[in-house]
Amino acid sequence: MKAIVDDDLCTGCGLCADSCADVFEMKEDKAIVKANPIPGDAIDCSKEAASNCPVEAIKVEE
C-alpha cells in the first residue's frame, strides 16, 4: 500500500503526523509521506490519518 498527500489541499494541521508518525511528517508546514510503501504495521494508522484529515488531502491506495 502507498500513501499520497495532495499538497494543494493540505493545510498543515499535523493530525496525520501525530497519529501515524511512521508514515507522515511535517515539512515546511505541509504533510509529506516519509514511507512508501507503507510498512505493514502502519497500515491501520495510515488509514486512520486519511480518514481524520479535515480536508481529505490524504489517500491510501493498494
PDB file of N, CA and C in Angstrom:
ATOM      1  N   MET A   1       0.840  -1.182   0.000  1.00  0.00           N
ATOM      2  CA  MET A   1       0.000   0.000   0.000  1.00  0.00           C
ATOM      3  C   MET A   1       0.883   1.243   0.000  1.00  0.00           C
ATOM      4  N   LYS A   2       0.316   2.315  -0.534  1.00  0.00           N
ATOM      5  CA  LYS A   2       1.066   3.566  -0.534  1.00  0.00           C
ATOM      6  C   LYS A   2       0.167   4.716  -0.115  1.00  0.00           C
ATOM      7  N   ALA A   3       0.780   5.743   0.415  1.00  0.00           N
ATOM      8  CA  ALA A   3       0.073   6.941   0.853  1.00  0.00           C
ATOM      9  C   ALA A   3       0.438   8.101  -0.062  1.00  0.00           C
ATOM     10  N   ILE A   4      -0.537   8.957  -0.274  1.00  0.00           N
ATOM     11  CA  ILE A   4      -0.346  10.138  -1.114  1.00  0.00           C
ATOM     12  C   ILE A   4      -0.937  11.336  -0.387  1.00  0.00           C
ATOM     13  N   VAL A   5      -0.175  12.432  -0.334  1.00  0.00           N
ATOM     14  CA  VAL A   5      -0.674  13.683   0.243  1.00  0.00           C
ATOM     15  C   VAL A   5      -0.788  14.698  -0.881  1.00  0.00           C
ATOM     16  N   ASP A   6      -1.961  15.277  -1.044  1.00  0.00           N
ATOM     17  CA  ASP A   6      -2.183  16.324  -2.039  1.00  0.00           C
ATOM     18  C   ASP A   6      -1.722  17.653  -1.447  1.00  0.00           C
ATOM     19  N   ASP A   7      -0.602  18.139  -1.954  1.00  0.00           N
ATOM     20  CA  ASP A   7      -0.008  19.400  -1.473  1.00  0.00           C
ATOM     21  C   ASP A   7      -0.976  20.576  -1.561  1.00  0.00           C
ATOM     22  N   ASP A   8      -1.790  20.595  -2.613  1.00  0.00           N
ATOM     23  CA  ASP A   8      -2.696  21.721  -2.816  1.00  0.00           C
ATOM     24  C   ASP A   8      -3.816  21.752  -1.782  1.00  0.00           C
ATOM     25  N   LEU A   9      -4.182  20.582  -1.279  1.00  0.00           N
ATOM     26  CA  LEU A   9      -5.260  20.515  -0.289  1.00  0.00           C
ATOM     27  C   LEU A   9      -4.762  20.607   1.155  1.00  0.00           C
ATOM     28  N   CYS A  10      -3.552  20.139   1.414  1.00  0.00           N
ATOM     29  CA  CYS A  10      -3.021  20.062   2.775  1.00  0.00           C
ATOM     30  C   CYS A  10      -2.955  21.451   3.414  1.00  0.00           C
ATOM     31  N   THR A  11      -3.508  21.536   4.632  1.00  0.00           N
ATOM     32  CA  THR A  11      -3.486  22.801   5.367  1.00  0.00           C
ATOM     33  C   THR A  11      -2.405  22.819   6.443  1.00  0.00           C
ATOM     34  N   GLY A  12      -1.695  21.697   6.604  1.00  0.00           N
ATOM     35  CA  GLY A  12      -0.613  21.636   7.568  1.00  0.00           C
ATOM     36  C   GLY A  12      -1.062  21.516   9.009  1.00  0.00           C
ATOM     37  N   CYS A  13      -2.207  20.907   9.245  1.00  0.00           N
ATOM     38  CA  CYS A  13      -2.724  20.801  10.607  1.00  0.00           C
ATOM     39  C   CYS A  13      -1.899  19.842  11.471  1.00  0.00           C
ATOM     40  N   GLY A  14      -1.251  18.849  10.841  1.00  0.00           N
ATOM     41  CA  GLY A  14      -0.378  17.941  11.567  1.00  0.00           C
ATOM     42  C   GLY A  14      -1.050  16.722  12.176  1.00  0.00           C
ATOM     43  N   LEU A  15      -2.356  16.558  11.989  1.00  0.00           N
ATOM     44  CA  LEU A  15      -3.044  15.402  12.552  1.00  0.00           C
ATOM     45  C   LEU A  15      -2.461  14.083  12.051  1.00  0.00           C
ATOM     46  N   CYS A  16      -2.105  14.029  10.783  1.00  0.00           N
ATOM     47  CA  CYS A  16      -1.578  12.778  10.219  1.00  0.00           C
ATOM     48  C   CYS A  16      -0.235  12.409  10.855  1.00  0.00           C
ATOM     49  N   ALA A  17       0.619  13.375  11.019  1.00  0.00           N
ATOM     50  CA  ALA A  17       1.931  13.111  11.627  1.00  0.00           C
ATOM     51  C   ALA A  17       1.783  12.731  13.094  1.00  0.00           C
ATOM     52  N   ASP A  18       0.802  13.310  13.768  1.00  0.00           N
ATOM     53  CA  ASP A  18       0.550  12.961  15.162  1.00  0.00           C
ATOM     54  C   ASP A  18       0.013  11.541  15.299  1.00  0.00           C
ATOM     55  N   SER A  19      -0.848  11.138  14.379  1.00  0.00           N
ATOM     56  CA  SER A  19      -1.486   9.827  14.504  1.00  0.00           C
ATOM     57  C   SER A  19      -0.699   8.703  13.843  1.00  0.00           C
ATOM     58  N   CYS A  20       0.190   9.034  12.905  1.00  0.00           N
ATOM     59  CA  CYS A  20       0.945   7.985  12.204  1.00  0.00           C
ATOM     60  C   CYS A  20       2.332   8.509  11.816  1.00  0.00           C
ATOM     61  N   ALA A  21       3.160   8.702  12.810  1.00  0.00           N
ATOM     62  CA  ALA A  21       4.490   9.287  12.597  1.00  0.00           C
ATOM     63  C   ALA A  21       5.423   8.380  11.807  1.00  0.00           C
ATOM     64  N   ASP A  22       5.109   7.086  11.703  1.00  0.00           N
ATOM     65  CA  ASP A  22       5.947   6.183  10.905  1.00  0.00           C
ATOM     66  C   ASP A  22       5.805   6.454   9.410  1.00  0.00           C
ATOM     67  N   VAL A  23       4.703   7.084   9.012  1.00  0.00           N
ATOM     68  CA  VAL A  23       4.431   7.292   7.584  1.00  0.00           C
ATOM     69  C   VAL A  23       4.431   8.767   7.194  1.00  0.00           C
ATOM     70  N   PHE A  24       3.937   9.629   8.078  1.00  0.00           N
ATOM     71  CA  PHE A  24       3.802  11.053   7.746  1.00  0.00           C
ATOM     72  C   PHE A  24       4.661  11.921   8.642  1.00  0.00           C
ATOM     73  N   GLU A  25       5.155  13.025   8.057  1.00  0.00           N
ATOM     74  CA  GLU A  25       5.860  14.033   8.837  1.00  0.00           C
ATOM     75  C   GLU A  25       5.549  15.400   8.250  1.00  0.00           C
ATOM     76  N   MET A  26       5.787  16.414   9.047  1.00  0.00           N
ATOM     77  CA  MET A  26       5.548  17.780   8.606  1.00  0.00           C
ATOM     78  C   MET A  26       6.850  18.372   8.089  1.00  0.00           C
ATOM     79  N   LYS A  27       6.755  19.030   6.952  1.00  0.00           N
ATOM     80  CA  LYS A  27       7.917  19.683   6.358  1.00  0.00           C
ATOM     81  C   LYS A  27       7.434  20.983   5.720  1.00  0.00           C
ATOM     82  N   GLU A  28       7.993  22.078   6.177  1.00  0.00           N
ATOM     83  CA  GLU A  28       7.621  23.401   5.663  1.00  0.00           C
ATOM     84  C   GLU A  28       6.109  23.605   5.714  1.00  0.00           C
ATOM     85  N   ASP A  29       5.499  23.288   6.855  1.00  0.00           N
ATOM     86  CA  ASP A  29       4.070  23.499   7.101  1.00  0.00           C
ATOM     87  C   ASP A  29       3.142  22.676   6.216  1.00  0.00           C
ATOM     88  N   LYS A  30       3.637  21.595   5.651  1.00  0.00           N
ATOM     89  CA  LYS A  30       2.823  20.667   4.867  1.00  0.00           C
ATOM     90  C   LYS A  30       3.179  19.247   5.282  1.00  0.00           C
ATOM     91  N   ALA A  31       2.221  18.351   5.159  1.00  0.00           N
ATOM     92  CA  ALA A  31       2.483  16.943   5.433  1.00  0.00           C
ATOM     93  C   ALA A  31       3.169  16.303   4.220  1.00  0.00           C
ATOM     94  N   ILE A  32       4.114  15.422   4.501  1.00  0.00           N
ATOM     95  CA  ILE A  32       4.735  14.639   3.445  1.00  0.00           C
ATOM     96  C   ILE A  32       4.733  13.175   3.873  1.00  0.00           C
ATOM     97  N   VAL A  33       4.821  12.304   2.874  1.00  0.00           N
ATOM     98  CA  VAL A  33       4.909  10.871   3.129  1.00  0.00           C
ATOM     99  C   VAL A  33       6.379  10.521   3.234  1.00  0.00           C
ATOM    100  N   LYS A  34       6.755   9.894   4.331  1.00  0.00           N
ATOM    101  CA  LYS A  34       8.160   9.533   4.501  1.00  0.00           C
ATOM    102  C   LYS A  34       8.401   8.033   4.340  1.00  0.00           C
ATOM    103  N   ALA A  35       7.334   7.242   4.140  1.00  0.00           N
ATOM    104  CA  ALA A  35       7.485   5.795   3.991  1.00  0.00           C
ATOM    105  C   ALA A  35       6.520   5.272   2.929  1.00  0.00           C
ATOM    106  N   ASN A  36       7.038   4.964   1.766  1.00  0.00           N
ATOM    107  CA  ASN A  36       6.261   4.314   0.711  1.00  0.00           C
ATOM    108  C   ASN A  36       7.089   3.178   0.166  1.00  0.00           C
ATOM    109  N   PRO A  37       6.618   1.957   0.144  1.00  0.00           N
ATOM    110  CA  PRO A  37       5.286   1.580   0.578  1.00  0.00           C
ATOM    111  C   PRO A  37       5.118   1.684   2.096  1.00  0.00           C
ATOM    112  N   ILE A  38       3.863   1.705   2.516  1.00  0.00           N
ATOM    113  CA  ILE A  38       3.555   1.804   3.950  1.00  0.00           C
ATOM    114  C   ILE A  38       3.977   0.499   4.626  1.00  0.00           C
ATOM    115  N   PRO A  39       4.747   0.577   5.708  1.00  0.00           N
ATOM    116  CA  PRO A  39       5.098  -0.644   6.441  1.00  0.00           C
ATOM    117  C   PRO A  39       3.834  -1.348   6.945  1.00  0.00           C
ATOM    118  N   GLY A  40       3.858  -2.659   6.969  1.00  0.00           N
ATOM    119  CA  GLY A  40       2.688  -3.445   7.349  1.00  0.00           C
ATOM    120  C   GLY A  40       2.090  -3.068   8.682  1.00  0.00           C
ATOM    121  N   ASP A  41       2.934  -2.735   9.650  1.00  0.00           N
ATOM    122  CA  ASP A  41       2.417  -2.397  10.980  1.00  0.00           C
ATOM    123  C   ASP A  41       1.881  -0.963  11.067  1.00  0.00           C
ATOM    124  N   ALA A  42       1.968  -0.202   9.976  1.00  0.00           N
ATOM    125  CA  ALA A  42       1.491   1.181   9.975  1.00  0.00           C
ATOM    126  C   ALA A  42       0.292   1.388   9.044  1.00  0.00           C
ATOM    127  N   ILE A  43      -0.218   0.319   8.470  1.00  0.00           N
ATOM    128  CA  ILE A  43      -1.344   0.450   7.542  1.00  0.00           C
ATOM    129  C   ILE A  43      -2.580   0.997   8.250  1.00  0.00           C
ATOM    130  N   ASP A  44      -2.882   0.464   9.418  1.00  0.00           N
ATOM    131  CA  ASP A  44      -4.074   0.920  10.137  1.00  0.00           C
ATOM    132  C   ASP A  44      -3.992   2.397  10.503  1.00  0.00           C
ATOM    133  N   CYS A  45      -2.848   2.833  11.017  1.00  0.00           N
ATOM    134  CA  CYS A  45      -2.749   4.245  11.402  1.00  0.00           C
ATOM    135  C   CYS A  45      -2.730   5.150  10.166  1.00  0.00           C
ATOM    136  N   SER A  46      -2.231   4.658   9.032  1.00  0.00           N
ATOM    137  CA  SER A  46      -2.259   5.445   7.791  1.00  0.00           C
ATOM    138  C   SER A  46      -3.688   5.665   7.329  1.00  0.00           C
ATOM    139  N   LYS A  47      -4.483   4.609   7.396  1.00  0.00           N
ATOM    140  CA  LYS A  47      -5.897   4.731   7.019  1.00  0.00           C
ATOM    141  C   LYS A  47      -6.632   5.657   7.984  1.00  0.00           C
ATOM    142  N   GLU A  48      -6.291   5.574   9.259  1.00  0.00           N
ATOM    143  CA  GLU A  48      -6.894   6.458  10.254  1.00  0.00           C
ATOM    144  C   GLU A  48      -6.515   7.911   9.972  1.00  0.00           C
ATOM    145  N   ALA A  49      -5.256   8.148   9.629  1.00  0.00           N
ATOM    146  CA  ALA A  49      -4.807   9.508   9.304  1.00  0.00           C
ATOM    147  C   ALA A  49      -5.566  10.050   8.101  1.00  0.00           C
ATOM    148  N   ALA A  50      -5.776   9.208   7.095  1.00  0.00           N
ATOM    149  CA  ALA A  50      -6.510   9.637   5.906  1.00  0.00           C
ATOM    150  C   ALA A  50      -7.958   9.971   6.251  1.00  0.00           C
ATOM    151  N   SER A  51      -8.586   9.152   7.065  1.00  0.00           N
ATOM    152  CA  SER A  51      -9.990   9.406   7.410  1.00  0.00           C
ATOM    153  C   SER A  51     -10.141  10.604   8.347  1.00  0.00           C
ATOM    154  N   ASN A  52      -9.111  10.918   9.121  1.00  0.00           N
ATOM    155  CA  ASN A  52      -9.165  12.050  10.048  1.00  0.00           C
ATOM    156  C   ASN A  52      -8.741  13.373   9.424  1.00  0.00           C
ATOM    157  N   CYS A  53      -8.181  13.333   8.229  1.00  0.00           N
ATOM    158  CA  CYS A  53      -7.720  14.567   7.577  1.00  0.00           C
ATOM    159  C   CYS A  53      -8.921  15.485   7.323  1.00  0.00           C
ATOM    160  N   PRO A  54      -8.904  16.690   7.898  1.00  0.00           N
ATOM    161  CA  PRO A  54     -10.074  17.573   7.773  1.00  0.00           C
ATOM    162  C   PRO A  54     -10.337  18.078   6.357  1.00  0.00           C
ATOM    163  N   VAL A  55      -9.338  18.010   5.483  1.00  0.00           N
ATOM    164  CA  VAL A  55      -9.532  18.492   4.112  1.00  0.00           C
ATOM    165  C   VAL A  55      -9.398  17.369   3.082  1.00  0.00           C
ATOM    166  N   GLU A  56      -9.350  16.124   3.555  1.00  0.00           N
ATOM    167  CA  GLU A  56      -9.275  14.938   2.693  1.00  0.00           C
ATOM    168  C   GLU A  56      -8.082  15.000   1.733  1.00  0.00           C
ATOM    169  N   ALA A  57      -6.936  15.436   2.248  1.00  0.00           N
ATOM    170  CA  ALA A  57      -5.739  15.568   1.415  1.00  0.00           C
ATOM    171  C   ALA A  57      -4.936  14.276   1.323  1.00  0.00           C
ATOM    172  N   ILE A  58      -5.307  13.255   2.104  1.00  0.00           N
ATOM    173  CA  ILE A  58      -4.539  12.014   2.140  1.00  0.00           C
ATOM    174  C   ILE A  58      -5.327  10.872   1.525  1.00  0.00           C
ATOM    175  N   LYS A  59      -4.665  10.123   0.662  1.00  0.00           N
ATOM    176  CA  LYS A  59      -5.228   8.923   0.077  1.00  0.00           C
ATOM    177  C   LYS A  59      -4.305   7.756   0.396  1.00  0.00           C
ATOM    178  N   VAL A  60      -4.893   6.611   0.717  1.00  0.00           N
ATOM    179  CA  VAL A  60      -4.131   5.375   0.928  1.00  0.00           C
ATOM    180  C   VAL A  60      -4.625   4.396  -0.129  1.00  0.00           C
ATOM    181  N   GLU A  61      -3.694   3.936  -0.968  1.00  0.00           N
ATOM    182  CA  GLU A  61      -4.048   3.074  -2.102  1.00  0.00           C
ATOM    183  C   GLU A  61      -3.295   1.758  -2.045  1.00  0.00           C
ATOM    184  N   GLU A  62      -3.866   0.743  -2.681  1.00  0.00           N
ATOM    185  CA  GLU A  62      -3.226  -0.573  -2.789  1.00  0.00           C
ATOM    186  C   GLU A  62      -2.035  -0.482  -3.713  1.00  0.00           C
TER     187      GLU A  62
END
